[in-house]
Amino acid sequence: MDGKPLTILLRYRGKEGSALLFSREMHESGLMEEIRKEKGNLRYEHYRSLEDPEVLLLVDSWESQEALDLHHASPIMGRIASLREKYDLTVEAERLLPAGENPGDERFLRR
């Protein structure tokens, strides 16, 4: 397996504030913190859309595909799936390339 770090963006979409309720329950139940403590997790953060209050963005980063696969096989995923179902959320996902994979990206970054 590839040992490169990877980041996935997940867009959760709900109705009548359900995406925000999902995020609150993830935080208040301690599930977010459990995920952050999993081996190989680099980042697990929720963000709300300013343009659409029914959209929640998850930035999900892992040390490797193998670490993400272990997360997906863990009991935690069942708990996340139950909450997604409870709040009737749809999910879209996309993988990001690291900025360094395209040297031209550097000119747009400020460090």
Protein backbone atom coordinates (compact mmCIF):
# COMPACT_ATOMS: atom_id res chain seq x y z
CA MET A 1 0.00 0.00 0.00
CA ASP A 2 0.99 3.56 -0.66
CA GLY A 3 2.42 5.26 2.43
CA LYS A 4 1.57 8.80 1.31
CA PRO A 5 -0.62 10.99 3.52
CA LEU A 6 -4.08 11.58 2.12
CA THR A 7 -6.94 13.98 2.70
CA ILE A 8 -10.56 13.41 1.85
CA LEU A 9 -13.27 16.06 1.88
CA LEU A 10 -16.73 14.80 2.79
CA ARG A 11 -19.75 17.03 2.26
CA TYR A 12 -22.65 16.07 4.48
CA ARG A 13 -26.00 17.48 3.40
CA GLY A 14 -29.08 17.45 5.60
CA LYS A 15 -32.41 19.19 6.06
CA GLU A 16 -33.71 21.55 8.72
CA GLY A 17 -30.38 21.79 10.54
CA SER A 18 -29.71 18.06 10.72
CA ALA A 19 -26.08 18.37 9.55
CA LEU A 20 -25.29 20.72 12.42
CA LEU A 21 -27.08 18.42 14.88
CA PHE A 22 -25.00 15.52 13.56
CA SER A 23 -21.80 17.50 14.14
CA ARG A 24 -22.87 18.50 17.64
CA GLU A 25 -23.62 14.90 18.56
CA MET A 26 -20.28 13.77 17.13
CA HIS A 27 -18.54 16.32 19.38
CA GLU A 28 -20.65 15.93 22.52
CA SER A 29 -20.52 12.12 22.45
CA GLY A 30 -16.72 12.16 22.26
CA LEU A 31 -16.71 10.40 18.90
CA MET A 32 -14.71 13.18 17.21
CA GLU A 33 -12.00 12.88 19.85
CA GLU A 34 -11.93 9.07 19.56
CA ILE A 35 -11.36 9.37 15.81
CA ARG A 36 -8.60 11.93 16.31
CA LYS A 37 -6.83 9.48 18.64
CA GLU A 38 -6.92 6.64 16.12
CA LYS A 39 -3.52 5.53 14.87
CA GLY A 40 -2.67 7.36 11.67
CA ASN A 41 -5.23 10.16 11.97
CA LEU A 42 -3.76 13.55 11.12
CA ARG A 43 -6.89 15.71 11.02
CA TYR A 44 -10.60 15.27 11.54
CA GLU A 45 -12.49 18.58 11.54
CA HIS A 46 -15.99 19.76 10.72
CA TYR A 47 -16.74 23.11 9.07
CA ARG A 48 -20.09 24.74 8.30
CA SER A 49 -20.82 26.28 4.94
CA LEU A 50 -21.47 30.02 4.93
CA GLU A 51 -23.38 29.68 1.68
CA ASP A 52 -25.60 26.71 2.57
CA PRO A 53 -26.47 26.08 6.24
CA GLU A 54 -27.50 22.52 5.37
CA VAL A 55 -23.93 21.56 4.36
CA LEU A 56 -21.22 20.39 6.72
CA LEU A 57 -17.68 19.78 5.47
CA LEU A 58 -15.42 17.17 7.02
CA VAL A 59 -11.68 17.45 6.43
CA ASP A 60 -10.41 13.91 7.02
CA SER A 61 -6.61 13.34 6.81
CA TRP A 62 -4.66 10.13 7.40
CA GLU A 63 -1.00 9.10 7.34
CA SER A 64 -1.70 6.48 4.66
CA GLN A 65 -4.39 4.57 2.81
CA GLU A 66 -3.70 1.69 5.18
CA ALA A 67 -4.51 3.87 8.22
CA LEU A 68 -7.74 5.01 6.55
CA ASP A 69 -8.64 1.39 5.73
CA LEU A 70 -8.17 0.44 9.40
CA HIS A 71 -10.42 3.33 10.40
CA HIS A 72 -13.07 2.18 7.91
CA ALA A 73 -12.93 -1.36 9.35
CA SER A 74 -13.22 -0.17 12.96
CA PRO A 75 -16.37 -0.19 15.12
CA ILE A 76 -16.23 3.62 15.07
CA MET A 77 -17.43 3.55 11.45
CA GLY A 78 -20.61 1.76 12.53
CA ARG A 79 -21.30 4.52 15.03
CA ILE A 80 -20.72 7.19 12.38
CA ALA A 81 -23.01 5.36 9.95
CA SER A 82 -25.74 5.17 12.61
CA LEU A 83 -25.53 8.91 13.20
CA ARG A 84 -25.62 9.62 9.45
CA GLU A 85 -28.79 7.53 9.27
CA LYS A 86 -30.29 9.15 12.37
CA TYR A 87 -29.87 12.60 10.83
CA ASP A 88 -30.72 11.43 7.28
CA LEU A 89 -27.56 12.88 5.74
CA THR A 90 -26.29 12.39 2.22
CA VAL A 91 -22.54 12.30 1.68
CA GLU A 92 -20.26 13.28 -1.21
CA ALA A 93 -16.51 12.67 -1.09
CA GLU A 94 -13.44 13.78 -2.99
CA ARG A 95 -9.73 13.15 -2.50
CA LEU A 96 -7.25 16.00 -2.53
CA LEU A 97 -3.74 16.03 -3.94
CA PRO A 98 -1.03 17.51 -1.71
CA ALA A 99 -0.02 21.02 -2.79
CA GLY A 100 3.54 19.87 -3.47
CA GLU A 101 2.42 17.52 -6.22
CA ASN A 102 2.06 20.48 -8.57
CA PRO A 103 5.03 22.89 -8.26
CA GLY A 104 2.96 25.69 -9.76
CA ASP A 105 0.75 25.69 -6.63
CA GLU A 106 3.51 27.23 -4.51
CA ARG A 107 3.08 30.68 -6.01
CA PHE A 108 -0.46 30.84 -4.59
CA LEU A 109 0.47 29.82 -1.04
CA ARG A 110 1.41 32.18 1.75
CA ARG A 111 3.34 30.71 4.64
